[in-house]
Amino acid sequence: DNAGNTIYKHKTEVKRQVMSKSVCETLAQVLEDGVSGNGGAKNAYVKGYKIAAKTGTAQIGINGASDHGAFVCFAPSDNPQIAIAVSGEKAAAKFASKVSGPSAVEEEMDNENDS
């Protein structure tokens, strides 16, 4: 809520493991490199934070007449505590990497600093 109180806490239930720990660690490192290196999610980089992210674009309509942008991330990449997903309907092709990624990370950083 607006006061920072938890209004719902989901109970975790592990049903099955779909990837090995090794594959998960490799995937997290690849997604982190996309932020800290020269990848598509580099605009989500925040010094001192290990963020793993992926951007994407879905072409909707005839010949991609309307693109939808998406950005997902989790942090810290080696011990995830938070996950963020942002999407933009009929957004410009660079929506995910230029707008949604940085704004999602910035918003979460502001929330973390407020608590």
Protein backbone atom coordinates (compact mmCIF):
# COMPACT_ATOMS: atom_id res chain seq x y z
CA ASP A 1 0.00 0.00 0.00
CA ASN A 2 1.00 3.66 0.04
CA ALA A 3 2.46 3.32 3.54
CA GLY A 4 4.82 0.53 2.46
CA ASN A 5 2.92 -2.28 4.19
CA THR A 6 2.72 -5.69 2.55
CA ILE A 7 -0.85 -6.32 1.44
CA TYR A 8 -0.32 -9.82 0.07
CA LYS A 9 2.47 -12.34 0.37
CA HIS A 10 2.43 -15.23 -2.05
CA LYS A 11 3.24 -18.62 -0.56
CA THR A 12 5.99 -20.32 -2.58
CA GLU A 13 5.46 -23.94 -3.54
CA VAL A 14 8.16 -25.70 -5.54
CA LYS A 15 6.53 -28.26 -7.84
CA ARG A 16 9.51 -29.29 -9.94
CA GLN A 17 12.90 -28.08 -11.09
CA VAL A 18 12.84 -27.24 -14.81
CA MET A 19 16.50 -26.21 -15.17
CA SER A 20 19.64 -27.25 -13.37
CA LYS A 21 21.31 -24.81 -11.00
CA SER A 22 24.22 -24.58 -13.45
CA VAL A 23 21.94 -23.57 -16.33
CA CYS A 24 20.20 -20.99 -14.12
CA GLU A 25 23.53 -19.46 -13.11
CA THR A 26 24.72 -19.32 -16.73
CA LEU A 27 21.46 -17.73 -17.89
CA ALA A 28 21.60 -15.14 -15.09
CA GLN A 29 25.18 -14.25 -16.08
CA VAL A 30 24.23 -13.87 -19.75
CA LEU A 31 21.31 -11.61 -18.81
CA GLU A 32 23.52 -9.60 -16.45
CA ASP A 33 26.07 -9.13 -19.26
CA GLY A 34 23.25 -7.61 -21.33
CA VAL A 35 22.96 -4.89 -18.68
CA SER A 36 26.56 -4.33 -17.61
CA GLY A 37 28.10 -4.83 -21.05
CA ASN A 38 26.98 -3.52 -24.40
CA GLY A 39 23.71 -5.45 -24.63
CA GLY A 40 20.18 -4.33 -25.36
CA ALA A 41 19.42 -3.75 -21.67
CA LYS A 42 22.48 -1.59 -20.95
CA ASN A 43 20.30 1.41 -20.10
CA ALA A 44 19.12 -0.47 -16.99
CA TYR A 45 22.67 -0.48 -15.57
CA VAL A 46 23.02 0.92 -12.05
CA LYS A 47 26.53 1.04 -10.59
CA GLY A 48 26.87 -1.29 -7.63
CA TYR A 49 23.83 -3.43 -8.48
CA LYS A 50 23.82 -6.81 -10.22
CA ILE A 51 20.81 -6.59 -12.54
CA ALA A 52 19.91 -9.30 -15.05
CA ALA A 53 17.51 -8.14 -17.78
CA LYS A 54 16.03 -8.86 -21.18
CA THR A 55 14.29 -6.57 -23.62
CA GLY A 56 11.97 -7.62 -26.39
CA THR A 57 9.70 -6.47 -29.16
CA ALA A 58 6.61 -8.25 -30.46
CA GLN A 59 5.38 -7.31 -33.90
CA ILE A 60 1.61 -7.14 -33.97
CA GLY A 61 -0.48 -6.71 -37.07
CA ILE A 62 0.40 -6.87 -40.73
CA ASN A 63 4.12 -6.34 -41.38
CA GLY A 64 4.72 -5.31 -37.77
CA ALA A 65 2.43 -2.32 -38.14
CA SER A 66 2.26 -2.02 -34.37
CA ASP A 67 5.16 -3.06 -32.14
CA HIS A 68 4.83 -3.88 -28.46
CA GLY A 69 7.92 -3.45 -26.27
CA ALA A 70 8.82 -5.39 -23.15
CA PHE A 71 11.45 -5.28 -20.42
CA VAL A 72 11.95 -7.84 -17.63
CA CYS A 73 14.64 -7.93 -14.99
CA PHE A 74 15.59 -9.42 -11.65
CA ALA A 75 18.09 -8.35 -9.02
CA PRO A 76 20.47 -9.08 -7.58
CA SER A 77 21.26 -11.49 -10.36
CA ASP A 78 23.11 -13.90 -8.06
CA ASN A 79 20.40 -13.95 -5.35
CA PRO A 80 17.14 -12.52 -6.77
CA GLN A 81 14.99 -10.56 -4.35
CA ILE A 82 12.87 -8.66 -6.85
CA ALA A 83 11.57 -9.09 -10.37
CA ILE A 84 10.14 -6.35 -12.59
CA ALA A 85 8.22 -6.61 -15.85
CA VAL A 86 7.19 -3.60 -17.96
CA SER A 87 5.38 -3.63 -21.28
CA GLY A 88 4.30 -0.94 -23.70
CA GLU A 89 1.59 -1.47 -26.27
CA LYS A 90 2.12 0.09 -29.66
CA ALA A 91 5.43 1.42 -28.43
CA ALA A 92 8.38 2.51 -30.50
CA ALA A 93 10.86 -0.24 -31.34
CA LYS A 94 13.36 1.02 -28.75
CA PHE A 95 10.78 1.35 -25.95
CA ALA A 96 12.12 -1.58 -23.92
CA SER A 97 15.77 -0.59 -23.88
CA LYS A 98 15.46 3.21 -23.84
CA VAL A 99 12.39 3.85 -21.69
CA SER A 100 10.92 0.96 -19.73
CA GLY A 101 14.18 -0.57 -18.49
CA PRO A 102 15.65 2.58 -16.99
CA SER A 103 12.33 3.76 -15.58
CA ALA A 104 11.61 0.41 -13.92
CA VAL A 105 15.04 0.22 -12.34
CA GLU A 106 14.96 3.88 -11.28
CA GLU A 107 11.52 3.46 -9.69
CA GLU A 108 12.66 0.44 -7.71
CA MET A 109 15.85 2.21 -6.61
CA ASP A 110 13.72 5.12 -5.35
CA ASN A 111 11.46 2.70 -3.47
CA GLU A 112 14.46 0.94 -1.91
CA ASN A 113 15.97 4.23 -0.77
CA ASP A 114 12.66 5.30 0.78
CA SER A 115 12.49 2.25 3.06
